[in-house]
């Protein structure tokens, strides 16, 4: 019995990882379509698995963290288990630059092609 228990424990420990976050860290929030979070967003096939990044406001215990959620997710409880979070590693390539949009007086925006990918003459 002892050998079987230790074997099963070694199988479980291979997949187990210690996750610890501190207040001020940024994390992604796991969204599952069957859980309450996924139903609060959209019930679609191609919804993302993780949303965010969101900032941790405080650590409640070793496994519970309070997250600062945006106003459109105000219907969710803001305390999540550590298994529902994934660490966000800051990368300068994630910052999106805003396009300079020129709007004319008649409120029309002129949009042209960005580049021509291919052309053929037959």
PDB file of N, CA and C in Angstrom:
ATOM      1  N   UNK A   1       0.824  -1.193   0.000  1.00  0.00           N
ATOM      2  CA  UNK A   1       0.000   0.000   0.000  1.00  0.00           C
ATOM      3  C   UNK A   1       0.877   1.269   0.000  1.00  0.00           C
ATOM      4  N   UNK A   2       1.947   1.229   0.812  1.00  0.00           N
ATOM      5  CA  UNK A   2       2.843   2.374   0.897  1.00  0.00           C
ATOM      6  C   UNK A   2       3.512   2.651  -0.448  1.00  0.00           C
ATOM      7  N   UNK A   3       3.920   1.598  -1.152  1.00  0.00           N
ATOM      8  CA  UNK A   3       4.570   1.762  -2.447  1.00  0.00           C
ATOM      9  C   UNK A   3       3.611   2.369  -3.465  1.00  0.00           C
ATOM     10  N   UNK A   4       2.371   1.931  -3.435  1.00  0.00           N
ATOM     11  CA  UNK A   4       1.371   2.463  -4.361  1.00  0.00           C
ATOM     12  C   UNK A   4       1.099   3.939  -4.084  1.00  0.00           C
ATOM     13  N   UNK A   5       0.994   4.292  -2.811  1.00  0.00           N
ATOM     14  CA  UNK A   5       0.757   5.683  -2.452  1.00  0.00           C
ATOM     15  C   UNK A   5       1.913   6.585  -2.880  1.00  0.00           C
ATOM     16  N   UNK A   6       3.134   6.124  -2.672  1.00  0.00           N
ATOM     17  CA  UNK A   6       4.281   6.953  -3.040  1.00  0.00           C
ATOM     18  C   UNK A   6       4.391   7.094  -4.565  1.00  0.00           C
ATOM     19  N   UNK A   7       4.025   6.035  -5.294  1.00  0.00           N
ATOM     20  CA  UNK A   7       4.049   6.113  -6.750  1.00  0.00           C
ATOM     21  C   UNK A   7       3.014   7.118  -7.252  1.00  0.00           C
ATOM     22  N   UNK A   8       1.810   7.056  -6.699  1.00  0.00           N
ATOM     23  CA  UNK A   8       0.765   7.994  -7.103  1.00  0.00           C
ATOM     24  C   UNK A   8       1.134   9.429  -6.724  1.00  0.00           C
ATOM     25  N   UNK A   9       1.793   9.598  -5.560  1.00  0.00           N
ATOM     26  CA  UNK A   9       2.224  10.918  -5.141  1.00  0.00           C
ATOM     27  C   UNK A   9       3.275  11.478  -6.099  1.00  0.00           C
ATOM     28  N   UNK A  10       4.175  10.643  -6.573  1.00  0.00           N
ATOM     29  CA  UNK A  10       5.198  11.116  -7.507  1.00  0.00           C
ATOM     30  C   UNK A  10       4.568  11.515  -8.842  1.00  0.00           C
ATOM     31  N   UNK A  11       3.523  10.813  -9.265  1.00  0.00           N
ATOM     32  CA  UNK A  11       2.816  11.193 -10.496  1.00  0.00           C
ATOM     33  C   UNK A  11       2.135  12.553 -10.324  1.00  0.00           C
ATOM     34  N   UNK A  12       1.515  12.757  -9.179  1.00  0.00           N
ATOM     35  CA  UNK A  12       0.817  14.012  -8.930  1.00  0.00           C
ATOM     36  C   UNK A  12       1.798  15.165  -8.770  1.00  0.00           C
ATOM     37  N   UNK A  13       2.945  14.922  -8.153  1.00  0.00           N
ATOM     38  CA  UNK A  13       3.917  15.989  -7.918  1.00  0.00           C
ATOM     39  C   UNK A  13       4.583  16.465  -9.194  1.00  0.00           C
ATOM     40  N   UNK A  14       4.619  15.653 -10.231  1.00  0.00           N
ATOM     41  CA  UNK A  14       5.222  16.079 -11.491  1.00  0.00           C
ATOM     42  C   UNK A  14       4.440  17.221 -12.118  1.00  0.00           C
ATOM     43  N   UNK A  15       3.123  17.203 -11.977  1.00  0.00           N
ATOM     44  CA  UNK A  15       2.280  18.248 -12.571  1.00  0.00           C
ATOM     45  C   UNK A  15       2.033  19.405 -11.631  1.00  0.00           C
ATOM     46  N   UNK A  16       2.292  19.232 -10.347  1.00  0.00           N
ATOM     47  CA  UNK A  16       2.022  20.273  -9.366  1.00  0.00           C
ATOM     48  C   UNK A  16       3.146  21.296  -9.375  1.00  0.00           C
ATOM     49  N   UNK A  17       2.773  22.554  -9.316  1.00  0.00           N
ATOM     50  CA  UNK A  17       3.779  23.606  -9.252  1.00  0.00           C
ATOM     51  C   UNK A  17       3.337  24.647  -8.241  1.00  0.00           C
ATOM     52  N   UNK A  18       4.295  25.201  -7.543  1.00  0.00           N
ATOM     53  CA  UNK A  18       4.006  26.203  -6.543  1.00  0.00           C
ATOM     54  C   UNK A  18       3.820  27.552  -7.222  1.00  0.00           C
ATOM     55  N   UNK A  19       2.680  28.161  -7.036  1.00  0.00           N
ATOM     56  CA  UNK A  19       2.408  29.483  -7.590  1.00  0.00           C
ATOM     57  C   UNK A  19       2.261  30.458  -6.435  1.00  0.00           C
ATOM     58  N   UNK A  20       3.074  31.474  -6.438  1.00  0.00           N
ATOM     59  CA  UNK A  20       2.966  32.507  -5.422  1.00  0.00           C
ATOM     60  C   UNK A  20       3.002  33.867  -6.092  1.00  0.00           C
ATOM     61  N   UNK A  21       2.062  34.704  -5.747  1.00  0.00           N
ATOM     62  CA  UNK A  21       1.989  36.048  -6.273  1.00  0.00           C
ATOM     63  C   UNK A  21       1.972  37.019  -5.113  1.00  0.00           C
ATOM     64  N   UNK A  22       2.450  38.206  -5.359  1.00  0.00           N
ATOM     65  CA  UNK A  22       2.443  39.269  -4.355  1.00  0.00           C
ATOM     66  C   UNK A  22       1.521  40.389  -4.831  1.00  0.00           C
ATOM     67  N   UNK A  23       1.165  41.262  -3.913  1.00  0.00           N
ATOM     68  CA  UNK A  23       0.351  42.424  -4.273  1.00  0.00           C
ATOM     69  C   UNK A  23       1.145  43.307  -5.229  1.00  0.00           C
ATOM     70  N   UNK A  24       0.511  43.723  -6.304  1.00  0.00           N
ATOM     71  CA  UNK A  24       1.169  44.542  -7.310  1.00  0.00           C
ATOM     72  C   UNK A  24       1.582  43.760  -8.550  1.00  0.00           C
ATOM     73  N   UNK A  25       1.626  42.426  -8.462  1.00  0.00           N
ATOM     74  CA  UNK A  25       1.947  41.610  -9.634  1.00  0.00           C
ATOM     75  C   UNK A  25       0.792  41.668 -10.628  1.00  0.00           C
ATOM     76  N   UNK A  26       1.108  41.434 -11.886  1.00  0.00           N
ATOM     77  CA  UNK A  26       0.087  41.356 -12.927  1.00  0.00           C
ATOM     78  C   UNK A  26      -0.103  39.904 -13.314  1.00  0.00           C
ATOM     79  N   UNK A  27      -1.362  39.502 -13.477  1.00  0.00           N
ATOM     80  CA  UNK A  27      -1.685  38.116 -13.796  1.00  0.00           C
ATOM     81  C   UNK A  27      -2.769  38.067 -14.864  1.00  0.00           C
ATOM     82  N   UNK A  28      -2.815  36.942 -15.563  1.00  0.00           N
ATOM     83  CA  UNK A  28      -3.921  36.639 -16.463  1.00  0.00           C
ATOM     84  C   UNK A  28      -4.936  35.819 -15.687  1.00  0.00           C
ATOM     85  N   UNK A  29      -6.200  35.968 -16.022  1.00  0.00           N
ATOM     86  CA  UNK A  29      -7.280  35.251 -15.360  1.00  0.00           C
ATOM     87  C   UNK A  29      -7.811  34.172 -16.298  1.00  0.00           C
ATOM     88  N   UNK A  30      -7.878  32.940 -15.800  1.00  0.00           N
ATOM     89  CA  UNK A  30      -8.365  31.822 -16.610  1.00  0.00           C
ATOM     90  C   UNK A  30      -9.869  31.937 -16.789  1.00  0.00           C
ATOM     91  N   UNK A  31     -10.312  31.743 -18.013  1.00  0.00           N
ATOM     92  CA  UNK A  31     -11.731  31.807 -18.337  1.00  0.00           C
ATOM     93  C   UNK A  31     -12.143  30.455 -18.884  1.00  0.00           C
ATOM     94  N   UNK A  32     -13.039  29.792 -18.188  1.00  0.00           N
ATOM     95  CA  UNK A  32     -13.559  28.522 -18.680  1.00  0.00           C
ATOM     96  C   UNK A  32     -15.023  28.716 -19.042  1.00  0.00           C
ATOM     97  N   UNK A  33     -15.455  28.197 -20.189  1.00  0.00           N
ATOM     98  CA  UNK A  33     -16.830  28.446 -20.610  1.00  0.00           C
ATOM     99  C   UNK A  33     -17.880  27.822 -19.702  1.00  0.00           C
ATOM    100  N   UNK A  34     -17.528  26.765 -18.954  1.00  0.00           N
ATOM    101  CA  UNK A  34     -18.521  26.128 -18.096  1.00  0.00           C
ATOM    102  C   UNK A  34     -18.617  26.792 -16.745  1.00  0.00           C
ATOM    103  N   UNK A  35     -17.582  27.531 -16.326  1.00  0.00           N
ATOM    104  CA  UNK A  35     -17.606  28.190 -15.017  1.00  0.00           C
ATOM    105  C   UNK A  35     -18.362  29.507 -15.119  1.00  0.00           C
ATOM    106  N   UNK A  36     -18.556  30.138 -14.008  1.00  0.00           N
ATOM    107  CA  UNK A  36     -19.298  31.382 -13.968  1.00  0.00           C
ATOM    108  C   UNK A  36     -18.609  32.513 -14.705  1.00  0.00           C
ATOM    109  N   UNK A  37     -17.281  32.495 -14.744  1.00  0.00           N
ATOM    110  CA  UNK A  37     -16.547  33.587 -15.390  1.00  0.00           C
ATOM    111  C   UNK A  37     -16.817  33.575 -16.889  1.00  0.00           C
ATOM    112  N   UNK A  38     -16.742  32.404 -17.495  1.00  0.00           N
ATOM    113  CA  UNK A  38     -16.944  32.309 -18.932  1.00  0.00           C
ATOM    114  C   UNK A  38     -18.345  32.675 -19.344  1.00  0.00           C
ATOM    115  N   UNK A  39     -19.317  32.290 -18.529  1.00  0.00           N
ATOM    116  CA  UNK A  39     -20.696  32.628 -18.851  1.00  0.00           C
ATOM    117  C   UNK A  39     -20.959  34.114 -18.700  1.00  0.00           C
ATOM    118  N   UNK A  40     -20.187  34.758 -17.840  1.00  0.00           N
ATOM    119  CA  UNK A  40     -20.373  36.204 -17.665  1.00  0.00           C
ATOM    120  C   UNK A  40     -19.847  36.974 -18.864  1.00  0.00           C
ATOM    121  N   UNK A  41     -18.860  36.427 -19.549  1.00  0.00           N
ATOM    122  CA  UNK A  41     -18.292  37.127 -20.701  1.00  0.00           C
ATOM    123  C   UNK A  41     -19.101  36.838 -21.951  1.00  0.00           C
ATOM    124  N   UNK A  42     -18.794  35.736 -22.632  1.00  0.00           N
ATOM    125  CA  UNK A  42     -19.497  35.360 -23.848  1.00  0.00           C
ATOM    126  C   UNK A  42     -19.601  33.848 -23.865  1.00  0.00           C
ATOM    127  N   UNK A  43     -20.659  33.352 -24.388  1.00  0.00           N
ATOM    128  CA  UNK A  43     -20.803  31.910 -24.534  1.00  0.00           C
ATOM    129  C   UNK A  43     -20.501  31.553 -25.981  1.00  0.00           C
ATOM    130  N   UNK A  44     -19.255  31.570 -26.346  1.00  0.00           N
ATOM    131  CA  UNK A  44     -18.836  31.272 -27.710  1.00  0.00           C
ATOM    132  C   UNK A  44     -17.759  30.220 -27.695  1.00  0.00           C
ATOM    133  N   UNK A  45     -17.576  29.610 -28.840  1.00  0.00           N
ATOM    134  CA  UNK A  45     -16.574  28.562 -28.965  1.00  0.00           C
ATOM    135  C   UNK A  45     -15.154  29.099 -28.884  1.00  0.00           C
ATOM    136  N   UNK A  46     -14.921  30.239 -29.470  1.00  0.00           N
ATOM    137  CA  UNK A  46     -13.562  30.733 -29.640  1.00  0.00           C
ATOM    138  C   UNK A  46     -13.179  31.821 -28.650  1.00  0.00           C
ATOM    139  N   UNK A  47     -13.758  31.802 -27.462  1.00  0.00           N
ATOM    140  CA  UNK A  47     -13.363  32.789 -26.466  1.00  0.00           C
ATOM    141  C   UNK A  47     -11.958  32.472 -25.978  1.00  0.00           C
ATOM    142  N   UNK A  48     -11.204  33.469 -25.592  1.00  0.00           N
ATOM    143  CA  UNK A  48      -9.835  33.213 -25.122  1.00  0.00           C
ATOM    144  C   UNK A  48      -9.844  32.464 -23.803  1.00  0.00           C
ATOM    145  N   UNK A  49      -8.802  31.706 -23.551  1.00  0.00           N
ATOM    146  CA  UNK A  49      -8.705  30.959 -22.306  1.00  0.00           C
ATOM    147  C   UNK A  49      -8.277  31.832 -21.145  1.00  0.00           C
ATOM    148  N   UNK A  50      -7.503  32.866 -21.434  1.00  0.00           N
ATOM    149  CA  UNK A  50      -7.046  33.783 -20.402  1.00  0.00           C
ATOM    150  C   UNK A  50      -7.382  35.205 -20.821  1.00  0.00           C
ATOM    151  N   UNK A  51      -7.779  36.021 -19.845  1.00  0.00           N
ATOM    152  CA  UNK A  51      -8.034  37.429 -20.100  1.00  0.00           C
ATOM    153  C   UNK A  51      -7.160  38.239 -19.151  1.00  0.00           C
ATOM    154  N   UNK A  52      -6.872  39.443 -19.546  1.00  0.00           N
ATOM    155  CA  UNK A  52      -6.062  40.278 -18.666  1.00  0.00           C
ATOM    156  C   UNK A  52      -4.979  40.971 -19.439  1.00  0.00           C
ATOM    157  N   UNK A  53      -3.963  41.442 -18.834  1.00  0.00           N
ATOM    158  CA  UNK A  53      -3.520  41.238 -17.451  1.00  0.00           C
ATOM    159  C   UNK A  53      -4.226  42.175 -16.470  1.00  0.00           C
ATOM    160  N   UNK A  54      -4.398  41.673 -15.254  1.00  0.00           N
ATOM    161  CA  UNK A  54      -4.988  42.444 -14.170  1.00  0.00           C
ATOM    162  C   UNK A  54      -4.003  42.476 -13.010  1.00  0.00           C
ATOM    163  N   UNK A  55      -4.117  43.509 -12.203  1.00  0.00           N
ATOM    164  CA  UNK A  55      -3.200  43.682 -11.084  1.00  0.00           C
ATOM    165  C   UNK A  55      -3.784  43.073  -9.819  1.00  0.00           C
ATOM    166  N   UNK A  56      -2.928  42.413  -9.047  1.00  0.00           N
ATOM    167  CA  UNK A  56      -3.335  41.859  -7.755  1.00  0.00           C
ATOM    168  C   UNK A  56      -3.312  42.997  -6.736  1.00  0.00           C
ATOM    169  N   UNK A  57      -4.464  43.240  -6.097  1.00  0.00           N
ATOM    170  CA  UNK A  57      -4.536  44.316  -5.119  1.00  0.00           C
ATOM    171  C   UNK A  57      -4.080  43.858  -3.744  1.00  0.00           C
ATOM    172  N   UNK A  58      -4.456  42.621  -3.362  1.00  0.00           N
ATOM    173  CA  UNK A  58      -3.963  42.126  -2.078  1.00  0.00           C
ATOM    174  C   UNK A  58      -4.009  40.609  -2.066  1.00  0.00           C
ATOM    175  N   UNK A  59      -3.167  40.066  -1.216  1.00  0.00           N
ATOM    176  CA  UNK A  59      -3.088  38.617  -1.033  1.00  0.00           C
ATOM    177  C   UNK A  59      -3.885  38.257   0.209  1.00  0.00           C
ATOM    178  N   UNK A  60      -4.890  37.421   0.055  1.00  0.00           N
ATOM    179  CA  UNK A  60      -5.767  37.086   1.168  1.00  0.00           C
ATOM    180  C   UNK A  60      -5.197  35.921   1.977  1.00  0.00           C
ATOM    181  N   UNK A  61      -4.641  34.948   1.294  1.00  0.00           N
ATOM    182  CA  UNK A  61      -4.021  33.797   1.946  1.00  0.00           C
ATOM    183  C   UNK A  61      -2.994  33.208   1.010  1.00  0.00           C
ATOM    184  N   UNK A  62      -2.513  32.016   1.307  1.00  0.00           N
ATOM    185  CA  UNK A  62      -1.519  31.415   0.405  1.00  0.00           C
ATOM    186  C   UNK A  62      -2.098  31.034  -0.954  1.00  0.00           C
ATOM    187  N   UNK A  63      -3.421  30.855  -1.046  1.00  0.00           N
ATOM    188  CA  UNK A  63      -4.011  30.433  -2.312  1.00  0.00           C
ATOM    189  C   UNK A  63      -5.078  31.372  -2.845  1.00  0.00           C
ATOM    190  N   UNK A  64      -5.421  32.437  -2.138  1.00  0.00           N
ATOM    191  CA  UNK A  64      -6.477  33.350  -2.581  1.00  0.00           C
ATOM    192  C   UNK A  64      -5.907  34.745  -2.788  1.00  0.00           C
ATOM    193  N   UNK A  65      -6.296  35.364  -3.911  1.00  0.00           N
ATOM    194  CA  UNK A  65      -5.815  36.701  -4.244  1.00  0.00           C
ATOM    195  C   UNK A  65      -6.974  37.560  -4.721  1.00  0.00           C
ATOM    196  N   UNK A  66      -6.930  38.830  -4.341  1.00  0.00           N
ATOM    197  CA  UNK A  66      -7.935  39.785  -4.792  1.00  0.00           C
ATOM    198  C   UNK A  66      -7.373  40.550  -5.988  1.00  0.00           C
ATOM    199  N   UNK A  67      -8.186  40.657  -7.043  1.00  0.00           N
ATOM    200  CA  UNK A  67      -7.733  41.244  -8.299  1.00  0.00           C
ATOM    201  C   UNK A  67      -8.561  42.483  -8.608  1.00  0.00           C
ATOM    202  N   UNK A  68      -7.901  43.501  -9.163  1.00  0.00           N
ATOM    203  CA  UNK A  68      -8.596  44.706  -9.603  1.00  0.00           C
ATOM    204  C   UNK A  68      -9.180  44.430 -10.986  1.00  0.00           C
ATOM    205  N   UNK A  69     -10.493  44.258 -11.050  1.00  0.00           N
ATOM    206  CA  UNK A  69     -11.173  43.952 -12.302  1.00  0.00           C
ATOM    207  C   UNK A  69     -11.713  45.234 -12.941  1.00  0.00           C
ATOM    208  N   UNK A  70     -11.818  45.266 -14.278  1.00  0.00           N
ATOM    209  CA  UNK A  70     -12.386  46.451 -14.949  1.00  0.00           C
ATOM    210  C   UNK A  70     -13.893  46.539 -14.700  1.00  0.00           C
ATOM    211  N   UNK A  71     -14.494  47.680 -14.995  1.00  0.00           N
ATOM    212  CA  UNK A  71     -15.928  47.859 -14.723  1.00  0.00           C
ATOM    213  C   UNK A  71     -16.837  46.897 -15.475  1.00  0.00           C
ATOM    214  N   UNK A  72     -16.443  46.435 -16.685  1.00  0.00           N
ATOM    215  CA  UNK A  72     -17.341  45.534 -17.416  1.00  0.00           C
ATOM    216  C   UNK A  72     -17.362  44.130 -16.810  1.00  0.00           C
ATOM    217  N   UNK A  73     -16.473  43.840 -15.861  1.00  0.00           N
ATOM    218  CA  UNK A  73     -16.497  42.566 -15.139  1.00  0.00           C
ATOM    219  C   UNK A  73     -16.912  42.770 -13.685  1.00  0.00           C
ATOM    220  N   UNK A  74     -17.678  43.805 -13.422  1.00  0.00           N
ATOM    221  CA  UNK A  74     -18.074  44.123 -12.050  1.00  0.00           C
ATOM    222  C   UNK A  74     -19.030  43.084 -11.462  1.00  0.00           C
ATOM    223  N   UNK A  75     -19.669  42.278 -12.316  1.00  0.00           N
ATOM    224  CA  UNK A  75     -20.584  41.262 -11.808  1.00  0.00           C
ATOM    225  C   UNK A  75     -19.860  40.030 -11.275  1.00  0.00           C
ATOM    226  N   UNK A  76     -18.527  39.962 -11.414  1.00  0.00           N
ATOM    227  CA  UNK A  76     -17.746  38.840 -10.892  1.00  0.00           C
ATOM    228  C   UNK A  76     -17.194  39.171  -9.516  1.00  0.00           C
ATOM    229  N   UNK A  77     -17.043  38.129  -8.710  1.00  0.00           N
ATOM    230  CA  UNK A  77     -16.377  38.298  -7.425  1.00  0.00           C
ATOM    231  C   UNK A  77     -14.892  38.485  -7.688  1.00  0.00           C
ATOM    232  N   UNK A  78     -14.230  39.380  -6.982  1.00  0.00           N
ATOM    233  CA  UNK A  78     -12.861  39.728  -7.327  1.00  0.00           C
ATOM    234  C   UNK A  78     -11.800  38.924  -6.583  1.00  0.00           C
ATOM    235  N   UNK A  79     -12.168  37.844  -5.915  1.00  0.00           N
ATOM    236  CA  UNK A  79     -11.198  36.981  -5.229  1.00  0.00           C
ATOM    237  C   UNK A  79     -11.133  35.662  -5.980  1.00  0.00           C
ATOM    238  N   UNK A  80      -9.898  35.258  -6.343  1.00  0.00           N
ATOM    239  CA  UNK A  80      -9.711  34.060  -7.154  1.00  0.00           C
ATOM    240  C   UNK A  80      -8.672  33.144  -6.531  1.00  0.00           C
ATOM    241  N   UNK A  81      -8.843  31.855  -6.777  1.00  0.00           N
ATOM    242  CA  UNK A  81      -7.875  30.853  -6.341  1.00  0.00           C
ATOM    243  C   UNK A  81      -6.645  30.943  -7.226  1.00  0.00           C
ATOM    244  N   UNK A  82      -5.505  30.563  -6.677  1.00  0.00           N
ATOM    245  CA  UNK A  82      -4.242  30.680  -7.390  1.00  0.00           C
ATOM    246  C   UNK A  82      -4.209  29.796  -8.639  1.00  0.00           C
ATOM    247  N   UNK A  83      -5.017  28.759  -8.691  1.00  0.00           N
ATOM    248  CA  UNK A  83      -5.047  27.887  -9.870  1.00  0.00           C
ATOM    249  C   UNK A  83      -5.718  28.564 -11.054  1.00  0.00           C
ATOM    250  N   UNK A  84      -6.485  29.628 -10.810  1.00  0.00           N
ATOM    251  CA  UNK A  84      -7.160  30.347 -11.886  1.00  0.00           C
ATOM    252  C   UNK A  84      -6.324  31.486 -12.446  1.00  0.00           C
ATOM    253  N   UNK A  85      -5.100  31.651 -11.949  1.00  0.00           N
ATOM    254  CA  UNK A  85      -4.253  32.759 -12.350  1.00  0.00           C
ATOM    255  C   UNK A  85      -3.010  32.257 -13.058  1.00  0.00           C
ATOM    256  N   UNK A  86      -2.494  33.055 -13.965  1.00  0.00           N
ATOM    257  CA  UNK A  86      -1.226  32.767 -14.638  1.00  0.00           C
ATOM    258  C   UNK A  86      -0.405  34.049 -14.647  1.00  0.00           C
ATOM    259  N   UNK A  87       0.876  33.921 -14.333  1.00  0.00           N
ATOM    260  CA  UNK A  87       1.746  35.090 -14.207  1.00  0.00           C
ATOM    261  C   UNK A  87       1.917  35.789 -15.549  1.00  0.00           C
ATOM    262  N   UNK A  88       1.868  37.114 -15.499  1.00  0.00           N
ATOM    263  CA  UNK A  88       2.092  37.939 -16.680  1.00  0.00           C
ATOM    264  C   UNK A  88       3.513  38.470 -16.616  1.00  0.00           C
ATOM    265  N   UNK A  89       4.282  38.191 -17.649  1.00  0.00           N
ATOM    266  CA  UNK A  89       5.640  38.696 -17.736  1.00  0.00           C
ATOM    267  C   UNK A  89       5.610  39.890 -18.678  1.00  0.00           C
ATOM    268  N   UNK A  90       5.997  41.041 -18.159  1.00  0.00           N
ATOM    269  CA  UNK A  90       5.919  42.274 -18.938  1.00  0.00           C
ATOM    270  C   UNK A  90       6.863  42.220 -20.125  1.00  0.00           C
ATOM    271  N   UNK A  91       6.355  42.640 -21.280  1.00  0.00           N
ATOM    272  CA  UNK A  91       7.125  42.647 -22.510  1.00  0.00           C
ATOM    273  C   UNK A  91       6.795  43.932 -23.257  1.00  0.00           C
ATOM    274  N   UNK A  92       7.813  44.711 -23.672  1.00  0.00           N
ATOM    275  CA  UNK A  92       7.497  45.969 -24.368  1.00  0.00           C
ATOM    276  C   UNK A  92       6.803  45.778 -25.705  1.00  0.00           C
ATOM    277  N   UNK A  93       6.858  44.586 -26.291  1.00  0.00           N
ATOM    278  CA  UNK A  93       6.171  44.360 -27.562  1.00  0.00           C
ATOM    279  C   UNK A  93       4.662  44.212 -27.369  1.00  0.00           C
ATOM    280  N   UNK A  94       4.195  44.039 -26.120  1.00  0.00           N
ATOM    281  CA  UNK A  94       2.764  43.921 -25.862  1.00  0.00           C
ATOM    282  C   UNK A  94       2.058  45.268 -25.898  1.00  0.00           C
ATOM    283  N   UNK A  95       2.815  46.351 -25.824  1.00  0.00           N
ATOM    284  CA  UNK A  95       2.211  47.673 -25.818  1.00  0.00           C
ATOM    285  C   UNK A  95       1.793  48.021 -27.244  1.00  0.00           C
ATOM    286  N   UNK A  96       0.528  48.324 -27.420  1.00  0.00           N
ATOM    287  CA  UNK A  96      -0.006  48.663 -28.738  1.00  0.00           C
ATOM    288  C   UNK A  96       0.046  50.172 -28.932  1.00  0.00           C
ATOM    289  N   UNK A  97       0.493  50.580 -30.095  1.00  0.00           N
ATOM    290  CA  UNK A  97       0.538  51.993 -30.412  1.00  0.00           C
ATOM    291  C   UNK A  97      -0.788  52.407 -31.043  1.00  0.00           C
ATOM    292  N   UNK A  98      -1.248  53.580 -30.651  1.00  0.00           N
ATOM    293  CA  UNK A  98      -2.499  54.084 -31.209  1.00  0.00           C
ATOM    294  C   UNK A  98      -2.231  54.668 -32.584  1.00  0.00           C
ATOM    295  N   UNK A  99      -3.126  54.386 -33.517  1.00  0.00           N
ATOM    296  CA  UNK A  99      -3.012  54.957 -34.849  1.00  0.00           C
ATOM    297  C   UNK A  99      -3.511  56.405 -34.824  1.00  0.00           C
ATOM    298  N   UNK A 100      -2.871  57.240 -35.597  1.00  0.00           N
ATOM    299  CA  UNK A 100      -3.304  58.621 -35.714  1.00  0.00           C
ATOM    300  C   UNK A 100      -4.456  58.667 -36.724  1.00  0.00           C
ATOM    301  N   UNK A 101      -5.661  58.857 -36.229  1.00  0.00           N
ATOM    302  CA  UNK A 101      -6.855  58.842 -37.072  1.00  0.00           C
ATOM    303  C   UNK A 101      -7.229  60.268 -37.418  1.00  0.00           C
ATOM    304  N   UNK A 102      -7.353  60.539 -38.709  1.00  0.00           N
ATOM    305  CA  UNK A 102      -7.755  61.854 -39.181  1.00  0.00           C
ATOM    306  C   UNK A 102      -9.230  61.795 -39.578  1.00  0.00           C
ATOM    307  N   UNK A 103     -10.048  62.564 -38.902  1.00  0.00           N
ATOM    308  CA  UNK A 103     -11.481  62.603 -39.198  1.00  0.00           C
ATOM    309  C   UNK A 103     -11.782  63.920 -39.895  1.00  0.00           C
ATOM    310  N   UNK A 104     -12.475  63.815 -41.048  1.00  0.00           N
ATOM    311  CA  UNK A 104     -12.835  65.015 -41.801  1.00  0.00           C
ATOM    312  C   UNK A 104     -14.057  65.678 -41.174  1.00  0.00           C
ATOM    313  N   UNK A 105     -14.413  66.859 -41.718  1.00  0.00           N
ATOM    314  CA  UNK A 105     -15.533  67.614 -41.169  1.00  0.00           C
ATOM    315  C   UNK A 105     -16.863  66.886 -41.325  1.00  0.00           C
ATOM    316  N   UNK A 106     -16.995  66.079 -42.390  1.00  0.00           N
ATOM    317  CA  UNK A 106     -18.244  65.345 -42.588  1.00  0.00           C
ATOM    318  C   UNK A 106     -18.234  64.002 -41.845  1.00  0.00           C
ATOM    319  N   UNK A 107     -17.328  63.839 -40.871  1.00  0.00           N
ATOM    320  CA  UNK A 107     -17.207  62.666 -40.004  1.00  0.00           C
ATOM    321  C   UNK A 107     -16.946  61.375 -40.762  1.00  0.00           C
ATOM    322  N   UNK A 108     -16.244  61.464 -41.866  1.00  0.00           N
ATOM    323  CA  UNK A 108     -15.864  60.284 -42.633  1.00  0.00           C
ATOM    324  C   UNK A 108     -14.370  60.051 -42.450  1.00  0.00           C
ATOM    325  N   UNK A 109     -13.993  58.814 -42.365  1.00  0.00           N
ATOM    326  CA  UNK A 109     -12.589  58.442 -42.232  1.00  0.00           C
ATOM    327  C   UNK A 109     -12.148  57.801 -43.530  1.00  0.00           C
ATOM    328  N   UNK A 110     -11.042  58.271 -44.066  1.00  0.00           N
ATOM    329  CA  UNK A 110     -10.535  57.700 -45.303  1.00  0.00           C
ATOM    330  C   UNK A 110      -9.597  56.548 -44.961  1.00  0.00           C
ATOM    331  N   UNK A 111      -9.947  55.366 -45.446  1.00  0.00           N
ATOM    332  CA  UNK A 111      -9.154  54.178 -45.174  1.00  0.00           C
ATOM    333  C   UNK A 111      -8.650  53.624 -46.491  1.00  0.00           C
ATOM    334  N   UNK A 112      -7.363  53.434 -46.583  1.00  0.00           N
ATOM    335  CA  UNK A 112      -6.766  52.869 -47.789  1.00  0.00           C
ATOM    336  C   UNK A 112      -6.060  51.571 -47.461  1.00  0.00           C
ATOM    337  N   UNK A 113      -5.602  50.863 -48.466  1.00  0.00           N
ATOM    338  CA  UNK A 113      -4.902  49.611 -48.200  1.00  0.00           C
ATOM    339  C   UNK A 113      -3.552  49.892 -47.532  1.00  0.00           C
ATOM    340  N   UNK A 114      -3.154  48.989 -46.665  1.00  0.00           N
ATOM    341  CA  UNK A 114      -1.888  49.144 -45.976  1.00  0.00           C
ATOM    342  C   UNK A 114      -0.745  48.798 -46.911  1.00  0.00           C
ATOM    343  N   UNK A 115      -0.846  47.664 -47.578  1.00  0.00           N
ATOM    344  CA  UNK A 115       0.148  47.277 -48.574  1.00  0.00           C
ATOM    345  C   UNK A 115      -0.478  46.260 -49.515  1.00  0.00           C
ATOM    346  N   UNK A 116       0.078  46.168 -50.704  1.00  0.00           N
ATOM    347  CA  UNK A 116      -0.386  45.206 -51.685  1.00  0.00           C
ATOM    348  C   UNK A 116       0.477  43.969 -51.525  1.00  0.00           C
ATOM    349  N   UNK A 117      -0.167  42.834 -51.260  1.00  0.00           N
ATOM    350  CA  UNK A 117       0.570  41.613 -51.001  1.00  0.00           C
ATOM    351  C   UNK A 117       0.990  40.903 -52.288  1.00  0.00           C
ATOM    352  N   UNK A 118       0.109  40.924 -53.298  1.00  0.00           N
ATOM    353  CA  UNK A 118       0.419  40.171 -54.509  1.00  0.00           C
ATOM    354  C   UNK A 118      -0.365  40.778 -55.660  1.00  0.00           C
ATOM    355  N   UNK A 119       0.217  40.712 -56.838  1.00  0.00           N
ATOM    356  CA  UNK A 119      -0.509  41.167 -58.030  1.00  0.00           C
ATOM    357  C   UNK A 119      -0.110  40.273 -59.203  1.00  0.00           C
ATOM    358  N   UNK A 120      -1.070  40.071 -60.100  1.00  0.00           N
ATOM    359  CA  UNK A 120      -0.845  39.248 -61.283  1.00  0.00           C
ATOM    360  C   UNK A 120      -1.472  39.938 -62.479  1.00  0.00           C
ATOM    361  N   UNK A 121      -0.834  39.735 -63.641  1.00  0.00           N
ATOM    362  CA  UNK A 121      -1.396  40.228 -64.894  1.00  0.00           C
ATOM    363  C   UNK A 121      -1.613  39.020 -65.771  1.00  0.00           C
ATOM    364  N   UNK A 122      -2.848  38.846 -66.228  1.00  0.00           N
ATOM    365  CA  UNK A 122      -3.175  37.699 -67.076  1.00  0.00           C
ATOM    366  C   UNK A 122      -3.564  38.175 -68.442  1.00  0.00           C
TER     367      UNK A 122
END
